[in-house]
Amino acid sequence: MLKRWRRLLRGARRGQALVEFALVFMLIISTMTGGVLVIQALFLQQRIIDIVARASEWGASTNSNEQIMAIVNEALTFSDHITYTLTPSDPAARKIGTKFTVSIGAEIPLLGAGTSLIAHLGASNTVLIENNPMKFAPPIAEKPTIRIGDLVVANTTAGENLKVHVDAGLKASTHFVLYKQDLATIIGGPVIKNGLRWWKIYDIRVKLTGWCVDNADGVETLVIKGHFF
């Protein structure tokens, strides 16, 4: 995860570099505008960088256009002058290994003391798509029914297996899989990561521990067989 954020920050810095000269120039004329509009523009630039980093992170890890657009639409509330570009624009073209770029820009008028200038703000970041598009269940319940100590059974559809990771999160490597009807004991969690709820389990069949989700693509993947505590 640390490597991911370093990569995102590098991408964000590339976006900052595109507007560095404009922002420095804005600071020079800040005395003419009273400084207020310049500070607002700097604040907006930082918010744009944050949105680009978040949207590209979700694009890489979940490839969910719905989730990406939810983040991008947040940026559109900042100003009427915000524009954005997603490349590829067609979600169907975002295959595993494809480069995906999120770009957000804004042209903000600066007016004051007889001065009329346009601040060109923006940021862009490119990532590699790592997964097929994921679907998300309704918002995660604050109080899950599963508890530590519960015996659960794996529930999958269409002959699929439930991946168990070495740690919570889609970036963690797969440790083993649970087959349909495999029994496991909940020994830790929950942890919310990548918009999913993760539990640490002990697989009774293979006698290994790992982390898996309790809901994926609208399917309840861990079904309670009994409470023990």
C-alpha atoms as a PDB file:
ATOM      1  CA  MET A   1       0.000   0.000   0.000  1.00  0.00           C
ATOM      2  CA  LEU A   2       2.896   2.393   0.800  1.00  0.00           C
ATOM      3  CA  LYS A   3       4.319   1.785  -2.665  1.00  0.00           C
ATOM      4  CA  ARG A   4       0.909   2.510  -4.170  1.00  0.00           C
ATOM      5  CA  TRP A   5       0.638   5.876  -2.427  1.00  0.00           C
ATOM      6  CA  ARG A   6       4.164   6.790  -3.409  1.00  0.00           C
ATOM      7  CA  ARG A   7       3.226   6.053  -7.007  1.00  0.00           C
ATOM      8  CA  LEU A   8       0.083   8.136  -6.684  1.00  0.00           C
ATOM      9  CA  LEU A   9       2.017  11.008  -5.159  1.00  0.00           C
ATOM     10  CA  ARG A  10       4.462  10.862  -8.043  1.00  0.00           C
ATOM     11  CA  GLY A  11       1.541  11.052 -10.447  1.00  0.00           C
ATOM     12  CA  ALA A  12      -0.008  13.859  -8.456  1.00  0.00           C
ATOM     13  CA  ARG A  13       3.272  15.761  -8.525  1.00  0.00           C
ATOM     14  CA  ARG A  14       3.283  15.501 -12.313  1.00  0.00           C
ATOM     15  CA  GLY A  15      -0.125  17.165 -12.214  1.00  0.00           C
ATOM     16  CA  GLN A  16       1.200  19.851  -9.909  1.00  0.00           C
ATOM     17  CA  ALA A  17       4.143  20.506 -12.210  1.00  0.00           C
ATOM     18  CA  LEU A  18       1.741  21.367 -15.017  1.00  0.00           C
ATOM     19  CA  VAL A  19       0.410  24.313 -13.020  1.00  0.00           C
ATOM     20  CA  GLU A  20       3.487  25.240 -10.983  1.00  0.00           C
ATOM     21  CA  PHE A  21       4.337  28.319 -13.043  1.00  0.00           C
ATOM     22  CA  ALA A  22       0.738  29.527 -13.004  1.00  0.00           C
ATOM     23  CA  LEU A  23       0.528  29.169  -9.228  1.00  0.00           C
ATOM     24  CA  VAL A  24       3.830  30.978  -8.652  1.00  0.00           C
ATOM     25  CA  PHE A  25       2.633  33.795 -10.887  1.00  0.00           C
ATOM     26  CA  MET A  26      -0.606  33.898  -8.928  1.00  0.00           C
ATOM     27  CA  LEU A  27       1.379  34.373  -5.724  1.00  0.00           C
ATOM     28  CA  ILE A  28       3.233  37.296  -7.284  1.00  0.00           C
ATOM     29  CA  ILE A  29      -0.018  39.098  -8.023  1.00  0.00           C
ATOM     30  CA  SER A  30      -1.641  38.028  -4.755  1.00  0.00           C
ATOM     31  CA  THR A  31      -1.198  41.513  -3.292  1.00  0.00           C
ATOM     32  CA  MET A  32      -3.343  42.892  -6.112  1.00  0.00           C
ATOM     33  CA  THR A  33      -6.138  40.417  -5.467  1.00  0.00           C
ATOM     34  CA  GLY A  34      -5.899  40.632  -1.722  1.00  0.00           C
ATOM     35  CA  GLY A  35      -4.516  37.084  -1.625  1.00  0.00           C
ATOM     36  CA  VAL A  36      -7.943  35.547  -0.975  1.00  0.00           C
ATOM     37  CA  LEU A  37      -8.594  34.238  -4.476  1.00  0.00           C
ATOM     38  CA  VAL A  38      -5.053  32.915  -4.749  1.00  0.00           C
ATOM     39  CA  ILE A  39      -5.429  30.943  -1.524  1.00  0.00           C
ATOM     40  CA  GLN A  40      -8.762  29.586  -2.748  1.00  0.00           C
ATOM     41  CA  ALA A  41      -7.164  28.493  -6.033  1.00  0.00           C
ATOM     42  CA  LEU A  42      -4.294  26.776  -4.199  1.00  0.00           C
ATOM     43  CA  PHE A  43      -6.792  24.972  -1.982  1.00  0.00           C
ATOM     44  CA  LEU A  44      -8.798  23.873  -5.031  1.00  0.00           C
ATOM     45  CA  GLN A  45      -5.628  22.576  -6.707  1.00  0.00           C
ATOM     46  CA  GLN A  46      -4.864  20.385  -3.708  1.00  0.00           C
ATOM     47  CA  ARG A  47      -8.422  19.026  -3.697  1.00  0.00           C
ATOM     48  CA  ILE A  48      -8.137  18.195  -7.407  1.00  0.00           C
ATOM     49  CA  ILE A  49      -4.886  16.292  -6.775  1.00  0.00           C
ATOM     50  CA  ASP A  50      -6.587  14.320  -3.997  1.00  0.00           C
ATOM     51  CA  ILE A  51      -9.559  13.415  -6.206  1.00  0.00           C
ATOM     52  CA  VAL A  52      -7.294  12.297  -9.070  1.00  0.00           C
ATOM     53  CA  ALA A  53      -5.284  10.090  -6.692  1.00  0.00           C
ATOM     54  CA  ARG A  54      -8.414   8.503  -5.209  1.00  0.00           C
ATOM     55  CA  ALA A  55     -10.146   7.953  -8.554  1.00  0.00           C
ATOM     56  CA  SER A  56      -7.076   6.357 -10.147  1.00  0.00           C
ATOM     57  CA  GLU A  57      -6.525   4.171  -7.049  1.00  0.00           C
ATOM     58  CA  TRP A  58     -10.083   2.842  -7.314  1.00  0.00           C
ATOM     59  CA  GLY A  59      -9.646   2.427 -11.060  1.00  0.00           C
ATOM     60  CA  ALA A  60      -6.559   0.270 -10.573  1.00  0.00           C
ATOM     61  CA  SER A  61      -7.886  -1.862  -7.720  1.00  0.00           C
ATOM     62  CA  THR A  62     -11.613  -2.265  -8.490  1.00  0.00           C
ATOM     63  CA  ASN A  63     -12.049  -1.182 -12.148  1.00  0.00           C
ATOM     64  CA  SER A  64     -15.543  -0.100 -11.095  1.00  0.00           C
ATOM     65  CA  ASN A  65     -16.755   2.766 -13.287  1.00  0.00           C
ATOM     66  CA  GLU A  66     -19.555   3.433 -10.803  1.00  0.00           C
ATOM     67  CA  GLN A  67     -17.081   3.950  -7.977  1.00  0.00           C
ATOM     68  CA  ILE A  68     -14.718   6.009 -10.151  1.00  0.00           C
ATOM     69  CA  MET A  69     -17.519   8.326 -11.267  1.00  0.00           C
ATOM     70  CA  ALA A  70     -18.737   8.748  -7.686  1.00  0.00           C
ATOM     71  CA  ILE A  71     -15.300  10.150  -6.826  1.00  0.00           C
ATOM     72  CA  VAL A  72     -14.993  12.279  -9.990  1.00  0.00           C
ATOM     73  CA  ASN A  73     -18.480  13.728  -9.472  1.00  0.00           C
ATOM     74  CA  GLU A  74     -17.310  14.908  -6.074  1.00  0.00           C
ATOM     75  CA  ALA A  75     -14.802  17.146  -7.887  1.00  0.00           C
ATOM     76  CA  LEU A  76     -17.579  18.623 -10.035  1.00  0.00           C
ATOM     77  CA  THR A  77     -19.144  20.061  -6.887  1.00  0.00           C
ATOM     78  CA  PHE A  78     -16.032  22.152  -6.182  1.00  0.00           C
ATOM     79  CA  SER A  79     -16.574  24.624  -9.015  1.00  0.00           C
ATOM     80  CA  ASP A  80     -18.589  25.220 -12.183  1.00  0.00           C
ATOM     81  CA  HIS A  81     -15.267  25.407 -14.063  1.00  0.00           C
ATOM     82  CA  ILE A  82     -14.183  21.795 -13.417  1.00  0.00           C
ATOM     83  CA  THR A  83     -13.672  19.434 -16.363  1.00  0.00           C
ATOM     84  CA  TYR A  84     -12.474  15.839 -16.403  1.00  0.00           C
ATOM     85  CA  THR A  85     -11.248  13.153 -18.807  1.00  0.00           C
ATOM     86  CA  LEU A  86     -11.054   9.391 -18.287  1.00  0.00           C
ATOM     87  CA  THR A  87      -8.877   7.433 -20.719  1.00  0.00           C
ATOM     88  CA  PRO A  88     -10.079   5.002 -21.967  1.00  0.00           C
ATOM     89  CA  SER A  89     -13.474   6.663 -21.697  1.00  0.00           C
ATOM     90  CA  ASP A  90     -15.316   3.399 -22.430  1.00  0.00           C
ATOM     91  CA  PRO A  91     -15.350   1.192 -19.276  1.00  0.00           C
ATOM     92  CA  ALA A  92     -15.466  -1.909 -21.497  1.00  0.00           C
ATOM     93  CA  ALA A  93     -12.016  -1.007 -22.868  1.00  0.00           C
ATOM     94  CA  ARG A  94     -10.407  -1.044 -19.411  1.00  0.00           C
ATOM     95  CA  LYS A  95      -8.971  -4.544 -19.471  1.00  0.00           C
ATOM     96  CA  ILE A  96      -6.454  -5.954 -16.994  1.00  0.00           C
ATOM     97  CA  GLY A  97      -3.039  -4.451 -17.788  1.00  0.00           C
ATOM     98  CA  THR A  98      -4.530  -1.461 -19.628  1.00  0.00           C
ATOM     99  CA  LYS A  99      -3.253   2.015 -18.788  1.00  0.00           C
ATOM    100  CA  PHE A 100      -6.004   4.095 -17.195  1.00  0.00           C
ATOM    101  CA  THR A 101      -5.654   7.867 -16.861  1.00  0.00           C
ATOM    102  CA  VAL A 102      -7.695  10.247 -14.751  1.00  0.00           C
ATOM    103  CA  SER A 103      -7.335  13.945 -15.611  1.00  0.00           C
ATOM    104  CA  ILE A 104      -9.166  16.800 -13.914  1.00  0.00           C
ATOM    105  CA  GLY A 105      -8.727  20.475 -14.750  1.00  0.00           C
ATOM    106  CA  ALA A 106     -10.179  23.871 -13.966  1.00  0.00           C
ATOM    107  CA  GLU A 107      -9.825  27.383 -15.297  1.00  0.00           C
ATOM    108  CA  ILE A 108     -10.564  29.743 -12.435  1.00  0.00           C
ATOM    109  CA  PRO A 109     -10.922  33.500 -13.100  1.00  0.00           C
ATOM    110  CA  LEU A 110      -8.962  35.744 -10.742  1.00  0.00           C
ATOM    111  CA  LEU A 111     -10.281  39.277 -10.537  1.00  0.00           C
ATOM    112  CA  GLY A 112      -9.085  42.147  -8.416  1.00  0.00           C
ATOM    113  CA  ALA A 113      -7.657  45.693  -8.489  1.00  0.00           C
ATOM    114  CA  GLY A 114      -8.111  46.029 -12.240  1.00  0.00           C
ATOM    115  CA  THR A 115      -6.558  42.605 -12.871  1.00  0.00           C
ATOM    116  CA  SER A 116      -8.246  39.794 -14.788  1.00  0.00           C
ATOM    117  CA  LEU A 117      -6.363  36.507 -14.952  1.00  0.00           C
ATOM    118  CA  ILE A 118      -7.177  32.835 -15.428  1.00  0.00           C
ATOM    119  CA  ALA A 119      -5.626  30.251 -13.111  1.00  0.00           C
ATOM    120  CA  HIS A 120      -5.130  27.000 -15.014  1.00  0.00           C
ATOM    121  CA  LEU A 121      -5.347  24.214 -12.441  1.00  0.00           C
ATOM    122  CA  GLY A 122      -5.280  20.459 -12.888  1.00  0.00           C
ATOM    123  CA  ALA A 123      -3.735  17.091 -12.219  1.00  0.00           C
ATOM    124  CA  SER A 124      -3.415  13.775 -14.024  1.00  0.00           C
ATOM    125  CA  ASN A 125      -2.410  10.257 -12.980  1.00  0.00           C
ATOM    126  CA  THR A 126      -1.989   7.022 -14.934  1.00  0.00           C
ATOM    127  CA  VAL A 127      -2.254   3.540 -13.412  1.00  0.00           C
ATOM    128  CA  LEU A 128      -2.485  -0.032 -14.662  1.00  0.00           C
ATOM    129  CA  ILE A 129      -5.837  -1.810 -14.370  1.00  0.00           C
ATOM    130  CA  GLU A 130      -5.306  -4.777 -12.041  1.00  0.00           C
ATOM    131  CA  ASN A 131      -8.727  -6.454 -11.873  1.00  0.00           C
ATOM    132  CA  ASN A 132     -11.856  -7.102 -13.891  1.00  0.00           C
ATOM    133  CA  PRO A 133     -14.739  -4.721 -13.068  1.00  0.00           C
ATOM    134  CA  MET A 134     -16.109  -5.351  -9.590  1.00  0.00           C
ATOM    135  CA  LYS A 135     -19.674  -4.921  -8.473  1.00  0.00           C
ATOM    136  CA  PHE A 136     -20.466  -3.627  -5.034  1.00  0.00           C
ATOM    137  CA  ALA A 137     -23.226  -4.574  -2.670  1.00  0.00           C
ATOM    138  CA  PRO A 138     -25.367  -1.937  -0.936  1.00  0.00           C
ATOM    139  CA  PRO A 139     -23.583   0.153   1.738  1.00  0.00           C
ATOM    140  CA  ILE A 140     -21.882  -1.986   4.363  1.00  0.00           C
ATOM    141  CA  ALA A 141     -23.926  -2.411   7.524  1.00  0.00           C
ATOM    142  CA  GLU A 142     -22.364  -0.745  10.555  1.00  0.00           C
ATOM    143  CA  LYS A 143     -23.031  -3.788  12.742  1.00  0.00           C
ATOM    144  CA  PRO A 144     -22.262  -7.030  10.867  1.00  0.00           C
ATOM    145  CA  THR A 145     -24.048 -10.190  11.953  1.00  0.00           C
ATOM    146  CA  ILE A 146     -20.811 -12.201  11.869  1.00  0.00           C
ATOM    147  CA  ARG A 147     -18.797 -12.202  15.102  1.00  0.00           C
ATOM    148  CA  ILE A 148     -15.358 -13.443  16.126  1.00  0.00           C
ATOM    149  CA  GLY A 149     -15.677 -17.093  17.105  1.00  0.00           C
ATOM    150  CA  ASP A 150     -18.463 -17.851  14.632  1.00  0.00           C
ATOM    151  CA  LEU A 151     -18.415 -20.968  12.481  1.00  0.00           C
ATOM    152  CA  VAL A 152     -19.090 -19.990   8.860  1.00  0.00           C
ATOM    153  CA  VAL A 153     -19.502 -21.858   5.594  1.00  0.00           C
ATOM    154  CA  ALA A 154     -18.170 -20.591   2.254  1.00  0.00           C
ATOM    155  CA  ASN A 155     -20.867 -19.683  -0.235  1.00  0.00           C
ATOM    156  CA  THR A 156     -19.912 -19.162  -3.892  1.00  0.00           C
ATOM    157  CA  THR A 157     -21.743 -19.169  -7.223  1.00  0.00           C
ATOM    158  CA  ALA A 158     -21.043 -20.347 -10.770  1.00  0.00           C
ATOM    159  CA  GLY A 159     -18.385 -22.783  -9.619  1.00  0.00           C
ATOM    160  CA  GLU A 160     -16.135 -20.012  -8.291  1.00  0.00           C
ATOM    161  CA  ASN A 161     -13.944 -20.247  -5.190  1.00  0.00           C
ATOM    162  CA  LEU A 162     -13.533 -17.655  -2.440  1.00  0.00           C
ATOM    163  CA  LYS A 163     -10.002 -16.220  -2.378  1.00  0.00           C
ATOM    164  CA  VAL A 164      -8.353 -15.981   1.028  1.00  0.00           C
ATOM    165  CA  HIS A 165      -5.567 -13.371   1.172  1.00  0.00           C
ATOM    166  CA  VAL A 166      -2.511 -13.113   3.404  1.00  0.00           C
ATOM    167  CA  ASP A 167      -3.844  -9.758   4.623  1.00  0.00           C
ATOM    168  CA  ALA A 168      -7.008  -7.689   4.323  1.00  0.00           C
ATOM    169  CA  GLY A 169      -7.300  -5.919   0.963  1.00  0.00           C
ATOM    170  CA  LEU A 170      -7.345  -6.675  -2.735  1.00  0.00           C
ATOM    171  CA  LYS A 171      -3.629  -5.890  -3.071  1.00  0.00           C
ATOM    172  CA  ALA A 172      -2.623  -8.652  -0.663  1.00  0.00           C
ATOM    173  CA  SER A 173      -1.562 -11.884  -2.353  1.00  0.00           C
ATOM    174  CA  THR A 174      -3.855 -14.910  -2.395  1.00  0.00           C
ATOM    175  CA  HIS A 175      -2.894 -17.449   0.303  1.00  0.00           C
ATOM    176  CA  PHE A 176      -5.417 -20.198  -0.500  1.00  0.00           C
ATOM    177  CA  VAL A 177      -9.073 -20.574  -1.511  1.00  0.00           C
ATOM    178  CA  LEU A 178     -12.265 -21.701   0.165  1.00  0.00           C
ATOM    179  CA  TYR A 179     -14.378 -24.094  -1.853  1.00  0.00           C
ATOM    180  CA  LYS A 180     -18.154 -24.032  -1.686  1.00  0.00           C
ATOM    181  CA  GLN A 181     -19.365 -25.418   1.676  1.00  0.00           C
ATOM    182  CA  ASP A 182     -15.887 -25.298   3.258  1.00  0.00           C
ATOM    183  CA  LEU A 183     -16.062 -24.565   6.982  1.00  0.00           C
ATOM    184  CA  ALA A 184     -14.028 -21.875   8.707  1.00  0.00           C
ATOM    185  CA  THR A 185     -13.880 -20.100  12.054  1.00  0.00           C
ATOM    186  CA  ILE A 186     -13.811 -16.297  12.347  1.00  0.00           C
ATOM    187  CA  ILE A 187     -10.726 -15.341  14.368  1.00  0.00           C
ATOM    188  CA  GLY A 188     -10.318 -11.630  13.556  1.00  0.00           C
ATOM    189  CA  GLY A 189     -11.844  -8.547  11.968  1.00  0.00           C
ATOM    190  CA  PRO A 190     -13.724  -6.933  10.547  1.00  0.00           C
ATOM    191  CA  VAL A 191     -11.527  -4.609   8.506  1.00  0.00           C
ATOM    192  CA  ILE A 192     -13.028  -2.311   5.862  1.00  0.00           C
ATOM    193  CA  LYS A 193     -10.773  -2.042   2.815  1.00  0.00           C
ATOM    194  CA  ASN A 194     -11.431  -1.376  -0.895  1.00  0.00           C
ATOM    195  CA  GLY A 195     -15.080  -0.834   0.018  1.00  0.00           C
ATOM    196  CA  LEU A 196     -15.339  -4.427   1.257  1.00  0.00           C
ATOM    197  CA  ARG A 197     -15.546  -5.993   4.708  1.00  0.00           C
ATOM    198  CA  TRP A 198     -12.753  -8.466   5.497  1.00  0.00           C
ATOM    199  CA  TRP A 199     -12.575 -11.171   8.177  1.00  0.00           C
ATOM    200  CA  LYS A 200      -9.625 -13.225   9.358  1.00  0.00           C
ATOM    201  CA  ILE A 201     -10.566 -16.897   9.207  1.00  0.00           C
ATOM    202  CA  TYR A 202      -9.147 -20.274  10.160  1.00  0.00           C
ATOM    203  CA  ASP A 203      -9.878 -22.855   7.455  1.00  0.00           C
ATOM    204  CA  ILE A 204     -10.747 -26.125   9.158  1.00  0.00           C
ATOM    205  CA  ARG A 205     -10.004 -28.190   6.023  1.00  0.00           C
ATOM    206  CA  VAL A 206      -6.480 -26.965   5.237  1.00  0.00           C
ATOM    207  CA  LYS A 207      -5.663 -25.616   8.720  1.00  0.00           C
ATOM    208  CA  LEU A 208      -4.510 -22.228   7.439  1.00  0.00           C
ATOM    209  CA  THR A 209      -5.439 -18.664   8.335  1.00  0.00           C
ATOM    210  CA  GLY A 210      -6.093 -15.699   6.058  1.00  0.00           C
ATOM    211  CA  TRP A 211      -8.450 -12.858   5.192  1.00  0.00           C
ATOM    212  CA  CYS A 212     -11.558 -12.961   2.978  1.00  0.00           C
ATOM    213  CA  VAL A 213     -14.686 -10.866   2.346  1.00  0.00           C
ATOM    214  CA  ASP A 214     -18.176 -11.641   3.582  1.00  0.00           C
ATOM    215  CA  ASN A 215     -19.906 -10.229   0.488  1.00  0.00           C
ATOM    216  CA  ALA A 216     -18.827  -9.969  -3.148  1.00  0.00           C
ATOM    217  CA  ASP A 217     -20.835  -8.960  -6.207  1.00  0.00           C
ATOM    218  CA  GLY A 218     -23.973  -8.977  -4.062  1.00  0.00           C
ATOM    219  CA  VAL A 219     -23.393 -12.578  -2.904  1.00  0.00           C
ATOM    220  CA  GLU A 220     -23.050 -13.404   0.807  1.00  0.00           C
ATOM    221  CA  THR A 221     -19.789 -15.352   0.719  1.00  0.00           C
ATOM    222  CA  LEU A 222     -19.624 -16.297   4.401  1.00  0.00           C
ATOM    223  CA  VAL A 223     -22.809 -17.790   5.876  1.00  0.00           C
ATOM    224  CA  ILE A 224     -23.074 -18.237   9.645  1.00  0.00           C
ATOM    225  CA  LYS A 225     -23.495 -21.815  10.855  1.00  0.00           C
ATOM    226  CA  GLY A 226     -23.375 -20.991  14.538  1.00  0.00           C
ATOM    227  CA  HIS A 227     -22.407 -18.428  17.190  1.00  0.00           C
ATOM    228  CA  PHE A 228     -19.895 -19.605  19.798  1.00  0.00           C
ATOM    229  CA  PHE A 229     -19.359 -16.498  21.945  1.00  0.00           C
END
